[in-house]
């Protein structure tokens, strides 16, 4: 499986000639890196690897993760199903999108002052014997993640940088996934939060041995 970080939380998963998009159609919002217009143009034109998009998933409807207009444009262009959690979305939902088996679980959003609460989900996605766990802006709750994973260990997991701020969460990362990626990092190398994450990564090298910060766009991972 090939995974490409194309925007702040925008992931493109490729397997067996198909592509699955997660939070990939955002626009520039505050300090967070939006999907470049030229990349979106390639998606609309169906240029590889976007010539066989099998699904478009969103974790929630905040603008650093979701654009309704871009989602509708891509759906019209390629016909791929679009999924956005709603207030009536079940606690757990299974989907088959091309070669990807997707398990969607409701999970509260990190409290953000001044930002309206939105239905939020995390995803366990598997294909060709590999699995990834995508958490976006999930509330810091290790026990809830453990309940969703119920003993499974992902090949790769994607976390908000808030997970590095607390010792129980830092210690849990290696149990949850073989490789852990901190994404949703501001694009500016001088941004205060980004520099704080870099300091934490340097301060706890053994504890965070499985952790990599994804601050470059695009970033590519091969599982």
N, C-alpha and C. Protein backbone atom coordinates (compact mmCIF):
# COMPACT_ATOMS: atom_id res chain seq x y z
N UNK A 1 0.84 -1.19 0.00
CA UNK A 1 0.00 0.00 0.00
C UNK A 1 0.88 1.24 0.00
N UNK A 2 0.54 2.18 -0.88
CA UNK A 2 1.23 3.45 -0.91
C UNK A 2 0.31 4.51 -0.28
N UNK A 3 0.87 5.31 0.61
CA UNK A 3 0.11 6.36 1.28
C UNK A 3 0.82 7.69 1.03
N UNK A 4 0.08 8.67 0.57
CA UNK A 4 0.65 9.99 0.32
C UNK A 4 -0.13 11.04 1.10
N UNK A 5 0.60 11.85 1.87
CA UNK A 5 0.01 12.99 2.55
C UNK A 5 0.03 14.16 1.57
N UNK A 6 -1.15 14.56 1.11
CA UNK A 6 -1.22 15.60 0.07
C UNK A 6 -1.60 16.97 0.62
N UNK A 7 -2.15 16.99 1.83
CA UNK A 7 -2.50 18.24 2.49
C UNK A 7 -2.45 18.00 3.99
N UNK A 8 -2.87 18.97 4.77
CA UNK A 8 -2.67 18.90 6.21
C UNK A 8 -3.05 17.55 6.82
N UNK A 9 -4.25 17.09 6.57
CA UNK A 9 -4.69 15.75 7.00
C UNK A 9 -5.10 14.91 5.81
N UNK A 10 -4.76 15.34 4.62
CA UNK A 10 -5.23 14.69 3.41
C UNK A 10 -4.39 13.50 3.02
N UNK A 11 -4.98 12.31 3.11
CA UNK A 11 -4.27 11.07 2.77
C UNK A 11 -4.85 10.47 1.50
N UNK A 12 -3.97 9.97 0.64
CA UNK A 12 -4.36 9.21 -0.54
C UNK A 12 -3.76 7.82 -0.40
N UNK A 13 -4.62 6.80 -0.32
CA UNK A 13 -4.18 5.42 -0.21
C UNK A 13 -4.31 4.76 -1.58
N UNK A 14 -3.25 4.09 -2.01
CA UNK A 14 -3.26 3.41 -3.31
C UNK A 14 -3.02 1.92 -3.11
N UNK A 15 -3.87 1.12 -3.75
CA UNK A 15 -3.73 -0.33 -3.69
C UNK A 15 -4.39 -0.95 -4.91
N UNK A 16 -3.69 -1.81 -5.60
CA UNK A 16 -4.24 -2.55 -6.74
C UNK A 16 -4.89 -1.64 -7.77
N UNK A 17 -4.26 -0.49 -8.04
CA UNK A 17 -4.75 0.41 -9.06
C UNK A 17 -5.88 1.32 -8.62
N UNK A 18 -6.33 1.21 -7.36
CA UNK A 18 -7.40 2.06 -6.86
C UNK A 18 -6.85 3.06 -5.85
N UNK A 19 -7.56 4.18 -5.70
CA UNK A 19 -7.16 5.22 -4.75
C UNK A 19 -8.33 5.55 -3.84
N UNK A 20 -8.03 5.66 -2.55
CA UNK A 20 -9.01 6.04 -1.54
C UNK A 20 -8.53 7.34 -0.90
N UNK A 21 -9.40 8.35 -0.86
CA UNK A 21 -9.04 9.66 -0.33
C UNK A 21 -9.66 9.85 1.06
N UNK A 22 -8.87 10.40 1.98
CA UNK A 22 -9.35 10.67 3.34
C UNK A 22 -8.97 12.10 3.70
N UNK A 23 -9.95 12.95 3.94
CA UNK A 23 -9.72 14.35 4.31
C UNK A 23 -8.84 15.08 3.30
N UNK A 24 -8.86 14.64 2.07
CA UNK A 24 -7.90 15.15 1.08
C UNK A 24 -8.41 16.36 0.30
N UNK A 25 -9.65 16.76 0.50
CA UNK A 25 -10.21 17.83 -0.34
C UNK A 25 -10.40 19.12 0.44
N UNK A 26 -9.56 19.34 1.42
CA UNK A 26 -9.67 20.58 2.21
C UNK A 26 -9.12 21.77 1.43
N UNK A 27 -9.40 22.95 1.94
CA UNK A 27 -8.81 24.17 1.41
C UNK A 27 -7.95 24.80 2.50
N UNK A 28 -7.16 25.78 2.14
CA UNK A 28 -6.31 26.46 3.12
C UNK A 28 -7.17 27.03 4.25
N UNK A 29 -6.79 26.73 5.49
CA UNK A 29 -7.53 27.21 6.65
C UNK A 29 -6.55 27.50 7.77
N UNK A 30 -6.49 28.75 8.18
CA UNK A 30 -5.56 29.18 9.21
C UNK A 30 -4.15 28.75 8.82
N UNK A 31 -3.45 28.06 9.73
CA UNK A 31 -2.05 27.70 9.45
C UNK A 31 -1.92 26.35 8.76
N UNK A 32 -3.04 25.72 8.40
CA UNK A 32 -3.00 24.35 7.90
C UNK A 32 -2.98 24.30 6.38
N UNK A 33 -2.18 23.41 5.86
CA UNK A 33 -1.88 23.33 4.44
C UNK A 33 -3.06 22.74 3.67
N UNK A 34 -3.60 23.50 2.74
CA UNK A 34 -4.72 23.03 1.93
C UNK A 34 -4.25 22.25 0.71
N UNK A 35 -5.14 21.44 0.18
CA UNK A 35 -4.83 20.71 -1.05
C UNK A 35 -4.54 21.70 -2.16
N UNK A 36 -3.36 21.65 -2.79
CA UNK A 36 -3.03 22.61 -3.85
C UNK A 36 -4.01 22.52 -5.02
N UNK A 37 -4.40 23.66 -5.60
CA UNK A 37 -5.35 23.64 -6.73
C UNK A 37 -4.88 22.75 -7.88
N UNK A 38 -3.55 22.70 -8.11
CA UNK A 38 -3.07 21.89 -9.22
C UNK A 38 -3.25 20.40 -8.96
N UNK A 39 -3.19 19.99 -7.70
CA UNK A 39 -3.43 18.58 -7.37
C UNK A 39 -4.92 18.27 -7.52
N UNK A 40 -5.75 19.20 -7.07
CA UNK A 40 -7.20 18.99 -7.23
C UNK A 40 -7.56 18.92 -8.72
N UNK A 41 -6.90 19.70 -9.55
CA UNK A 41 -7.16 19.65 -10.99
C UNK A 41 -6.82 18.27 -11.55
N UNK A 42 -5.74 17.67 -11.07
CA UNK A 42 -5.38 16.31 -11.52
C UNK A 42 -6.44 15.30 -11.09
N UNK A 43 -6.99 15.49 -9.88
CA UNK A 43 -8.05 14.60 -9.41
C UNK A 43 -9.26 14.69 -10.33
N UNK A 44 -9.67 15.92 -10.66
CA UNK A 44 -10.84 16.12 -11.51
C UNK A 44 -10.62 15.57 -12.92
N UNK A 45 -9.37 15.65 -13.39
CA UNK A 45 -9.05 15.16 -14.73
C UNK A 45 -8.83 13.66 -14.76
N UNK A 46 -8.78 13.02 -13.60
CA UNK A 46 -8.57 11.58 -13.55
C UNK A 46 -7.16 11.17 -13.93
N UNK A 47 -6.19 12.03 -13.65
CA UNK A 47 -4.80 11.67 -13.92
C UNK A 47 -4.30 10.73 -12.83
N UNK A 48 -3.42 9.77 -13.19
CA UNK A 48 -2.88 8.87 -12.18
C UNK A 48 -2.25 9.63 -11.02
N UNK A 49 -2.43 9.18 -9.78
CA UNK A 49 -3.12 7.95 -9.37
C UNK A 49 -4.62 8.13 -9.14
N UNK A 50 -5.20 9.19 -9.70
CA UNK A 50 -6.61 9.49 -9.45
C UNK A 50 -7.52 9.02 -10.58
N UNK A 51 -7.03 8.07 -11.37
CA UNK A 51 -7.82 7.56 -12.48
C UNK A 51 -8.80 6.48 -12.04
N UNK A 52 -8.69 6.02 -10.80
CA UNK A 52 -9.62 5.01 -10.28
C UNK A 52 -9.87 5.29 -8.80
N UNK A 53 -10.52 6.41 -8.52
CA UNK A 53 -10.86 6.76 -7.13
C UNK A 53 -12.07 5.92 -6.72
N UNK A 54 -11.90 5.10 -5.68
CA UNK A 54 -12.98 4.20 -5.27
C UNK A 54 -13.79 4.74 -4.10
N UNK A 55 -13.32 5.81 -3.47
CA UNK A 55 -14.06 6.38 -2.36
C UNK A 55 -13.42 7.66 -1.86
N UNK A 56 -14.26 8.52 -1.27
CA UNK A 56 -13.80 9.77 -0.69
C UNK A 56 -14.37 9.84 0.73
N UNK A 57 -13.50 9.75 1.72
CA UNK A 57 -13.91 9.74 3.12
C UNK A 57 -13.50 11.03 3.81
N UNK A 58 -14.30 11.45 4.77
CA UNK A 58 -13.96 12.58 5.62
C UNK A 58 -14.15 12.17 7.07
N UNK A 59 -13.29 12.67 7.94
CA UNK A 59 -13.46 12.40 9.36
C UNK A 59 -14.49 13.32 9.98
N UNK A 60 -14.60 14.55 9.46
CA UNK A 60 -15.58 15.52 9.96
C UNK A 60 -15.60 16.72 9.02
N UNK A 61 -16.49 17.67 9.31
CA UNK A 61 -16.78 18.73 8.34
C UNK A 61 -16.07 20.04 8.62
N UNK A 62 -15.06 20.08 9.46
CA UNK A 62 -14.32 21.33 9.66
C UNK A 62 -13.51 21.66 8.41
N UNK A 63 -13.31 22.94 8.09
CA UNK A 63 -12.73 23.32 6.80
C UNK A 63 -11.28 22.91 6.58
N UNK A 64 -10.54 22.59 7.65
CA UNK A 64 -9.18 22.09 7.43
C UNK A 64 -9.17 20.61 7.08
N UNK A 65 -10.36 20.00 6.98
CA UNK A 65 -10.49 18.59 6.60
C UNK A 65 -11.47 18.37 5.45
N UNK A 66 -12.32 19.35 5.19
CA UNK A 66 -13.46 19.09 4.30
C UNK A 66 -13.83 20.34 3.51
N UNK A 67 -14.14 20.12 2.24
CA UNK A 67 -14.72 21.17 1.39
C UNK A 67 -15.91 20.56 0.67
N UNK A 68 -17.11 21.07 0.97
CA UNK A 68 -18.31 20.53 0.34
C UNK A 68 -18.26 20.73 -1.18
N UNK A 69 -17.78 21.89 -1.63
CA UNK A 69 -17.76 22.16 -3.07
C UNK A 69 -16.78 21.24 -3.78
N UNK A 70 -15.62 21.03 -3.19
CA UNK A 70 -14.65 20.14 -3.83
C UNK A 70 -15.13 18.69 -3.82
N UNK A 71 -15.78 18.29 -2.73
CA UNK A 71 -16.30 16.92 -2.66
C UNK A 71 -17.34 16.69 -3.75
N UNK A 72 -18.23 17.66 -3.96
CA UNK A 72 -19.26 17.50 -4.98
C UNK A 72 -18.65 17.53 -6.38
N UNK A 73 -17.66 18.38 -6.60
CA UNK A 73 -17.01 18.41 -7.92
C UNK A 73 -16.35 17.08 -8.24
N UNK A 74 -15.66 16.50 -7.27
CA UNK A 74 -14.98 15.23 -7.54
C UNK A 74 -15.99 14.10 -7.71
N UNK A 75 -17.04 14.10 -6.89
CA UNK A 75 -18.07 13.07 -7.04
C UNK A 75 -18.69 13.13 -8.45
N UNK A 76 -18.96 14.35 -8.93
CA UNK A 76 -19.53 14.50 -10.27
C UNK A 76 -18.55 14.06 -11.35
N UNK A 77 -17.26 14.28 -11.11
CA UNK A 77 -16.25 13.96 -12.13
C UNK A 77 -15.98 12.47 -12.23
N UNK A 78 -15.94 11.76 -11.08
CA UNK A 78 -15.51 10.36 -11.13
C UNK A 78 -16.56 9.38 -10.63
N UNK A 79 -17.61 9.88 -9.99
CA UNK A 79 -18.67 8.99 -9.53
C UNK A 79 -18.36 8.24 -8.25
N UNK A 80 -17.24 8.53 -7.61
CA UNK A 80 -16.87 7.81 -6.40
C UNK A 80 -17.80 8.19 -5.25
N UNK A 81 -18.16 7.23 -4.39
CA UNK A 81 -19.00 7.56 -3.24
C UNK A 81 -18.25 8.46 -2.26
N UNK A 82 -18.99 9.38 -1.63
CA UNK A 82 -18.46 10.31 -0.65
C UNK A 82 -19.12 10.03 0.69
N UNK A 83 -18.31 9.93 1.74
CA UNK A 83 -18.87 9.67 3.08
C UNK A 83 -18.37 10.71 4.06
N UNK A 84 -19.32 11.35 4.75
CA UNK A 84 -19.05 12.32 5.81
C UNK A 84 -19.91 11.94 7.00
N UNK A 85 -19.32 11.76 8.19
CA UNK A 85 -20.14 11.39 9.37
C UNK A 85 -21.25 12.41 9.63
N UNK A 86 -22.40 11.88 10.00
CA UNK A 86 -23.58 12.68 10.31
C UNK A 86 -24.03 12.40 11.75
N UNK A 87 -24.89 13.25 12.30
CA UNK A 87 -25.35 12.98 13.67
C UNK A 87 -25.99 11.61 13.86
N UNK A 88 -26.60 11.06 12.80
CA UNK A 88 -27.25 9.75 12.91
C UNK A 88 -26.38 8.59 12.42
N UNK A 89 -25.10 8.86 12.13
CA UNK A 89 -24.19 7.78 11.72
C UNK A 89 -24.04 6.79 12.87
N UNK A 90 -24.14 5.48 12.62
CA UNK A 90 -24.00 4.50 13.70
C UNK A 90 -22.63 4.60 14.37
N UNK A 91 -22.55 4.07 15.59
CA UNK A 91 -21.29 4.08 16.32
C UNK A 91 -20.20 3.34 15.55
N UNK A 92 -20.58 2.32 14.80
CA UNK A 92 -19.62 1.55 14.00
C UNK A 92 -20.27 1.20 12.68
N UNK A 93 -19.54 1.40 11.60
CA UNK A 93 -20.07 1.21 10.26
C UNK A 93 -19.00 0.57 9.40
N UNK A 94 -19.35 -0.45 8.63
CA UNK A 94 -18.41 -1.13 7.75
C UNK A 94 -18.72 -0.76 6.30
N UNK A 95 -17.65 -0.55 5.51
CA UNK A 95 -17.79 -0.24 4.09
C UNK A 95 -16.73 -1.01 3.31
N UNK A 96 -17.06 -1.41 2.09
CA UNK A 96 -16.08 -1.97 1.17
C UNK A 96 -15.96 -1.02 0.00
N UNK A 97 -14.79 -0.42 -0.17
CA UNK A 97 -14.55 0.55 -1.23
C UNK A 97 -13.37 0.05 -2.06
N UNK A 98 -13.66 -0.53 -3.22
CA UNK A 98 -12.60 -1.14 -4.03
C UNK A 98 -11.89 -2.20 -3.20
N UNK A 99 -10.57 -2.19 -3.17
CA UNK A 99 -9.83 -3.20 -2.40
C UNK A 99 -9.76 -2.89 -0.91
N UNK A 100 -10.34 -1.78 -0.47
CA UNK A 100 -10.21 -1.32 0.91
C UNK A 100 -11.43 -1.69 1.75
N UNK A 101 -11.18 -2.37 2.85
CA UNK A 101 -12.21 -2.62 3.85
C UNK A 101 -12.10 -1.51 4.89
N UNK A 102 -13.19 -0.79 5.09
CA UNK A 102 -13.18 0.40 5.94
C UNK A 102 -14.10 0.20 7.13
N UNK A 103 -13.54 0.38 8.32
CA UNK A 103 -14.33 0.34 9.55
C UNK A 103 -14.35 1.75 10.12
N UNK A 104 -15.53 2.34 10.15
CA UNK A 104 -15.72 3.71 10.64
C UNK A 104 -16.27 3.65 12.06
N UNK A 105 -15.65 4.37 12.99
CA UNK A 105 -16.10 4.41 14.38
C UNK A 105 -16.29 5.86 14.81
N UNK A 106 -17.43 6.17 15.39
CA UNK A 106 -17.66 7.51 15.92
C UNK A 106 -16.68 7.78 17.06
N UNK A 107 -16.18 9.02 17.11
CA UNK A 107 -15.20 9.40 18.13
C UNK A 107 -15.30 10.91 18.32
N UNK A 108 -15.46 11.41 19.53
CA UNK A 108 -15.60 12.86 19.71
C UNK A 108 -14.38 13.64 19.21
N UNK A 109 -14.63 14.86 18.80
CA UNK A 109 -13.58 15.77 18.34
C UNK A 109 -12.88 16.39 19.54
N UNK A 110 -11.60 16.71 19.41
CA UNK A 110 -10.90 17.48 20.43
C UNK A 110 -11.66 18.80 20.65
N UNK A 111 -11.93 19.17 21.88
CA UNK A 111 -12.62 20.46 22.10
C UNK A 111 -11.78 21.62 21.56
N UNK A 112 -12.41 22.47 20.76
CA UNK A 112 -11.73 23.63 20.17
C UNK A 112 -12.55 24.87 20.48
N UNK A 113 -12.03 25.79 21.27
CA UNK A 113 -12.78 27.01 21.58
C UNK A 113 -13.13 27.78 20.31
N UNK A 114 -14.38 28.20 20.21
CA UNK A 114 -14.81 28.99 19.07
C UNK A 114 -15.13 28.20 17.82
N UNK A 115 -14.96 26.87 17.86
CA UNK A 115 -15.24 26.02 16.69
C UNK A 115 -16.43 25.12 17.01
N UNK A 116 -17.45 25.16 16.19
CA UNK A 116 -18.64 24.35 16.43
C UNK A 116 -18.29 22.87 16.40
N UNK A 117 -18.91 22.12 17.31
CA UNK A 117 -18.68 20.68 17.35
C UNK A 117 -19.29 20.04 16.12
N UNK A 118 -18.58 19.07 15.55
CA UNK A 118 -19.07 18.36 14.36
C UNK A 118 -18.95 16.86 14.60
N UNK A 119 -19.88 16.06 14.04
CA UNK A 119 -19.72 14.61 14.13
C UNK A 119 -18.35 14.21 13.59
N UNK A 120 -17.65 13.37 14.32
CA UNK A 120 -16.27 13.01 13.99
C UNK A 120 -16.13 11.49 14.03
N UNK A 121 -15.29 10.97 13.15
CA UNK A 121 -15.06 9.53 13.09
C UNK A 121 -13.58 9.24 12.91
N UNK A 122 -13.20 8.04 13.32
CA UNK A 122 -11.87 7.51 13.03
C UNK A 122 -12.06 6.29 12.12
N UNK A 123 -10.99 5.93 11.39
CA UNK A 123 -11.10 4.85 10.42
C UNK A 123 -10.01 3.80 10.61
N UNK A 124 -10.42 2.54 10.62
CA UNK A 124 -9.50 1.41 10.48
C UNK A 124 -9.67 0.91 9.06
N UNK A 125 -8.60 0.94 8.29
CA UNK A 125 -8.67 0.60 6.87
C UNK A 125 -7.67 -0.51 6.58
N UNK A 126 -8.10 -1.55 5.90
CA UNK A 126 -7.21 -2.65 5.57
C UNK A 126 -7.33 -3.01 4.09
N UNK A 127 -6.20 -3.47 3.54
CA UNK A 127 -6.15 -3.91 2.15
C UNK A 127 -4.87 -4.71 1.96
N UNK A 128 -4.97 -5.81 1.25
CA UNK A 128 -3.80 -6.63 0.89
C UNK A 128 -2.93 -6.96 2.11
N UNK A 129 -3.57 -7.26 3.23
CA UNK A 129 -2.84 -7.67 4.41
C UNK A 129 -2.23 -6.56 5.22
N UNK A 130 -2.44 -5.30 4.84
CA UNK A 130 -1.92 -4.15 5.58
C UNK A 130 -3.09 -3.37 6.19
N UNK A 131 -2.81 -2.69 7.29
CA UNK A 131 -3.87 -1.93 7.96
C UNK A 131 -3.34 -0.59 8.42
N UNK A 132 -4.22 0.42 8.37
CA UNK A 132 -3.86 1.74 8.89
C UNK A 132 -5.02 2.24 9.76
N UNK A 133 -4.67 3.09 10.71
CA UNK A 133 -5.65 3.68 11.62
C UNK A 133 -5.52 5.19 11.47
N UNK A 134 -6.62 5.85 11.12
CA UNK A 134 -6.63 7.29 10.83
C UNK A 134 -7.50 7.97 11.87
N UNK A 135 -6.90 8.91 12.64
CA UNK A 135 -7.64 9.47 13.78
C UNK A 135 -7.94 10.96 13.68
N UNK A 136 -7.30 11.68 12.77
CA UNK A 136 -7.59 13.10 12.54
C UNK A 136 -7.60 13.89 13.84
N UNK A 137 -8.75 14.49 14.20
CA UNK A 137 -8.85 15.35 15.38
C UNK A 137 -9.57 14.66 16.52
N UNK A 138 -9.35 13.36 16.66
CA UNK A 138 -10.02 12.61 17.73
C UNK A 138 -9.62 13.14 19.10
N UNK A 139 -10.58 13.22 19.98
CA UNK A 139 -10.34 13.63 21.36
C UNK A 139 -9.26 12.75 21.99
N UNK A 140 -8.44 13.32 22.86
CA UNK A 140 -7.39 12.55 23.51
C UNK A 140 -8.02 11.59 24.50
N UNK A 141 -8.09 10.32 24.13
CA UNK A 141 -8.78 9.30 24.93
C UNK A 141 -8.19 7.94 24.58
N UNK A 142 -7.11 7.57 25.26
CA UNK A 142 -6.41 6.33 24.96
C UNK A 142 -7.31 5.12 25.14
N UNK A 143 -8.14 5.12 26.18
CA UNK A 143 -9.00 3.97 26.44
C UNK A 143 -10.01 3.76 25.32
N UNK A 144 -10.51 4.83 24.77
CA UNK A 144 -11.46 4.70 23.66
C UNK A 144 -10.76 4.14 22.42
N UNK A 145 -9.55 4.60 22.13
CA UNK A 145 -8.80 4.01 21.02
C UNK A 145 -8.57 2.52 21.27
N UNK A 146 -8.20 2.18 22.48
CA UNK A 146 -7.94 0.77 22.80
C UNK A 146 -9.20 -0.07 22.58
N UNK A 147 -10.36 0.47 22.94
CA UNK A 147 -11.60 -0.27 22.75
C UNK A 147 -11.91 -0.48 21.27
N UNK A 148 -11.62 0.52 20.45
CA UNK A 148 -11.86 0.38 19.01
C UNK A 148 -10.89 -0.62 18.39
N UNK A 149 -9.64 -0.56 18.81
CA UNK A 149 -8.63 -1.45 18.24
C UNK A 149 -8.80 -2.89 18.74
N UNK A 150 -9.34 -3.05 19.93
CA UNK A 150 -9.55 -4.34 20.62
C UNK A 150 -8.48 -5.38 20.27
N UNK A 151 -7.25 -5.01 20.61
CA UNK A 151 -6.13 -5.93 20.47
C UNK A 151 -5.41 -5.88 19.14
N UNK A 152 -5.96 -5.19 18.17
CA UNK A 152 -5.29 -5.09 16.87
C UNK A 152 -4.16 -4.06 16.94
N UNK A 153 -3.13 -4.30 16.15
CA UNK A 153 -2.02 -3.35 16.04
C UNK A 153 -1.88 -2.99 14.56
N UNK A 154 -2.07 -1.74 14.24
CA UNK A 154 -2.01 -1.29 12.85
C UNK A 154 -0.58 -1.31 12.33
N UNK A 155 -0.45 -1.46 11.03
CA UNK A 155 0.88 -1.29 10.42
C UNK A 155 1.30 0.17 10.47
N UNK A 156 0.33 1.08 10.37
CA UNK A 156 0.61 2.51 10.45
C UNK A 156 -0.60 3.22 11.02
N UNK A 157 -0.35 4.25 11.83
CA UNK A 157 -1.44 5.05 12.39
C UNK A 157 -1.10 6.52 12.25
N UNK A 158 -2.13 7.33 12.05
CA UNK A 158 -1.99 8.77 11.84
C UNK A 158 -2.71 9.50 12.96
N UNK A 159 -1.94 10.39 13.65
CA UNK A 159 -2.43 11.03 14.86
C UNK A 159 -2.25 12.55 14.81
N UNK A 160 -3.14 13.24 15.49
CA UNK A 160 -2.96 14.66 15.74
C UNK A 160 -1.79 14.85 16.71
N UNK A 161 -1.05 15.94 16.57
CA UNK A 161 0.10 16.19 17.42
C UNK A 161 -0.22 16.28 18.90
N UNK A 162 -1.50 16.50 19.26
CA UNK A 162 -1.90 16.53 20.66
C UNK A 162 -1.52 15.24 21.37
N UNK A 163 -1.41 14.15 20.64
CA UNK A 163 -1.08 12.85 21.26
C UNK A 163 0.32 12.84 21.86
N UNK A 164 1.20 13.73 21.43
CA UNK A 164 2.55 13.75 21.97
C UNK A 164 2.66 14.56 23.26
N UNK A 165 1.61 15.26 23.62
CA UNK A 165 1.69 16.17 24.77
C UNK A 165 1.56 15.46 26.11
N UNK A 166 1.08 14.21 26.09
CA UNK A 166 0.75 13.53 27.34
C UNK A 166 1.46 12.18 27.40
N UNK A 167 2.04 11.87 28.54
CA UNK A 167 2.84 10.67 28.68
C UNK A 167 2.05 9.37 28.42
N UNK A 168 0.82 9.20 28.96
CA UNK A 168 0.10 7.94 28.67
C UNK A 168 -0.13 7.73 27.18
N UNK A 169 -0.42 8.82 26.46
CA UNK A 169 -0.65 8.69 25.01
C UNK A 169 0.65 8.37 24.28
N UNK A 170 1.74 9.03 24.67
CA UNK A 170 3.03 8.73 24.03
C UNK A 170 3.38 7.26 24.22
N UNK A 171 3.16 6.76 25.42
CA UNK A 171 3.50 5.36 25.70
C UNK A 171 2.59 4.39 24.96
N UNK A 172 1.37 4.81 24.65
CA UNK A 172 0.43 3.92 23.98
C UNK A 172 0.70 3.77 22.48
N UNK A 173 1.36 4.75 21.89
CA UNK A 173 1.51 4.75 20.43
C UNK A 173 2.14 3.47 19.91
N UNK A 174 3.23 3.03 20.53
CA UNK A 174 3.92 1.84 20.01
C UNK A 174 3.07 0.59 20.16
N UNK A 175 2.12 0.59 21.11
CA UNK A 175 1.22 -0.56 21.25
C UNK A 175 0.13 -0.54 20.20
N UNK A 176 -0.24 0.65 19.75
CA UNK A 176 -1.33 0.78 18.79
C UNK A 176 -0.89 0.55 17.35
N UNK A 177 0.37 0.83 17.03
CA UNK A 177 0.81 0.72 15.63
C UNK A 177 2.30 0.49 15.55
N UNK A 178 2.72 -0.21 14.50
CA UNK A 178 4.15 -0.43 14.26
C UNK A 178 4.84 0.86 13.84
N UNK A 179 4.13 1.67 13.07
CA UNK A 179 4.64 2.98 12.66
C UNK A 179 3.58 4.03 12.99
N UNK A 180 4.01 5.12 13.61
CA UNK A 180 3.08 6.18 13.99
C UNK A 180 3.50 7.49 13.33
N UNK A 181 2.52 8.15 12.71
CA UNK A 181 2.80 9.39 11.99
C UNK A 181 1.97 10.52 12.60
N UNK A 182 2.67 11.58 13.00
CA UNK A 182 2.00 12.77 13.49
C UNK A 182 1.79 13.69 12.29
N UNK A 183 0.52 13.94 11.96
CA UNK A 183 0.21 14.80 10.81
C UNK A 183 -0.64 15.97 11.29
N UNK A 184 -1.23 16.71 10.34
CA UNK A 184 -1.97 17.93 10.70
C UNK A 184 -1.01 18.94 11.36
N UNK A 185 0.21 18.98 10.83
CA UNK A 185 1.24 19.87 11.35
C UNK A 185 1.28 21.13 10.48
N UNK A 186 1.29 22.32 11.08
CA UNK A 186 1.37 23.55 10.27
C UNK A 186 2.55 23.53 9.31
N UNK A 187 2.33 24.06 8.12
CA UNK A 187 3.37 24.03 7.09
C UNK A 187 4.57 24.91 7.38
N UNK A 188 4.40 25.95 8.18
CA UNK A 188 5.49 26.88 8.49
C UNK A 188 6.46 26.25 9.48
N UNK A 189 7.74 26.05 9.11
CA UNK A 189 8.71 25.45 10.03
C UNK A 189 8.90 26.24 11.31
N UNK A 190 8.55 27.52 11.31
CA UNK A 190 8.71 28.36 12.50
C UNK A 190 7.45 28.40 13.37
N UNK A 191 6.40 27.70 12.97
CA UNK A 191 5.17 27.69 13.76
C UNK A 191 5.45 27.14 15.16
N UNK A 192 4.88 27.78 16.18
CA UNK A 192 5.16 27.40 17.56
C UNK A 192 4.76 25.98 17.90
N UNK A 193 3.59 25.53 17.45
CA UNK A 193 3.15 24.18 17.76
C UNK A 193 4.02 23.15 17.06
N UNK A 194 4.38 23.42 15.81
CA UNK A 194 5.26 22.49 15.09
C UNK A 194 6.61 22.37 15.79
N UNK A 195 7.17 23.47 16.24
CA UNK A 195 8.46 23.43 16.93
C UNK A 195 8.34 22.71 18.26
N UNK A 196 7.21 22.85 18.93
CA UNK A 196 6.99 22.12 20.18
C UNK A 196 6.99 20.62 19.95
N UNK A 197 6.33 20.17 18.88
CA UNK A 197 6.31 18.75 18.55
C UNK A 197 7.72 18.25 18.24
N UNK A 198 8.49 19.04 17.53
CA UNK A 198 9.87 18.64 17.21
C UNK A 198 10.70 18.51 18.48
N UNK A 199 10.50 19.44 19.44
CA UNK A 199 11.23 19.35 20.71
C UNK A 199 10.83 18.10 21.49
N UNK A 200 9.54 17.77 21.50
CA UNK A 200 9.08 16.58 22.20
C UNK A 200 9.64 15.33 21.57
N UNK A 201 9.69 15.31 20.24
CA UNK A 201 10.24 14.13 19.54
C UNK A 201 11.71 13.95 19.91
N UNK A 202 12.45 15.04 20.06
CA UNK A 202 13.85 14.96 20.44
C UNK A 202 14.05 14.64 21.90
N UNK A 203 13.09 15.02 22.75
CA UNK A 203 13.23 14.84 24.19
C UNK A 203 12.97 13.39 24.62
N UNK A 204 12.15 12.68 23.85
CA UNK A 204 11.79 11.31 24.23
C UNK A 204 12.10 10.34 23.08
N UNK A 205 13.36 10.22 22.69
CA UNK A 205 13.69 9.40 21.51
C UNK A 205 13.34 7.92 21.67
N UNK A 206 13.52 7.36 22.86
CA UNK A 206 13.20 5.94 23.05
C UNK A 206 11.69 5.74 23.09
N UNK A 207 11.00 6.60 23.82
CA UNK A 207 9.56 6.50 23.96
C UNK A 207 8.86 6.69 22.61
N UNK A 208 9.43 7.53 21.77
CA UNK A 208 8.82 7.86 20.48
C UNK A 208 9.60 7.27 19.31
N UNK A 209 10.21 6.13 19.55
CA UNK A 209 11.03 5.50 18.51
C UNK A 209 10.23 5.18 17.26
N UNK A 210 8.94 4.84 17.42
CA UNK A 210 8.11 4.46 16.26
C UNK A 210 7.44 5.67 15.61
N UNK A 211 7.73 6.88 16.09
CA UNK A 211 6.98 8.07 15.69
C UNK A 211 7.77 8.92 14.69
N UNK A 212 7.09 9.36 13.63
CA UNK A 212 7.67 10.27 12.65
C UNK A 212 6.73 11.45 12.47
N UNK A 213 7.28 12.64 12.44
CA UNK A 213 6.49 13.84 12.19
C UNK A 213 6.38 14.07 10.68
N UNK A 214 5.16 14.28 10.20
CA UNK A 214 4.94 14.55 8.78
C UNK A 214 4.65 16.04 8.60
N UNK A 215 5.69 16.79 8.31
CA UNK A 215 5.54 18.23 8.13
C UNK A 215 5.80 18.70 6.72
N UNK A 216 6.09 17.76 5.82
CA UNK A 216 6.34 18.11 4.41
C UNK A 216 5.17 17.65 3.56
N UNK A 217 4.86 18.45 2.55
CA UNK A 217 3.76 18.14 1.64
C UNK A 217 4.26 18.20 0.21
N UNK A 218 4.16 17.06 -0.53
CA UNK A 218 3.63 15.78 -0.08
C UNK A 218 4.67 14.97 0.70
N UNK A 219 4.18 14.00 1.48
CA UNK A 219 5.02 12.99 2.13
C UNK A 219 4.51 11.63 1.69
N UNK A 220 5.42 10.70 1.45
CA UNK A 220 5.01 9.39 0.93
C UNK A 220 5.48 8.28 1.85
N UNK A 221 4.62 7.27 2.02
CA UNK A 221 4.89 6.12 2.88
C UNK A 221 4.55 4.87 2.08
N UNK A 222 5.40 3.88 2.15
CA UNK A 222 5.13 2.58 1.52
C UNK A 222 5.04 1.53 2.61
N UNK A 223 3.92 0.81 2.66
CA UNK A 223 3.75 -0.28 3.62
C UNK A 223 3.97 -1.61 2.92
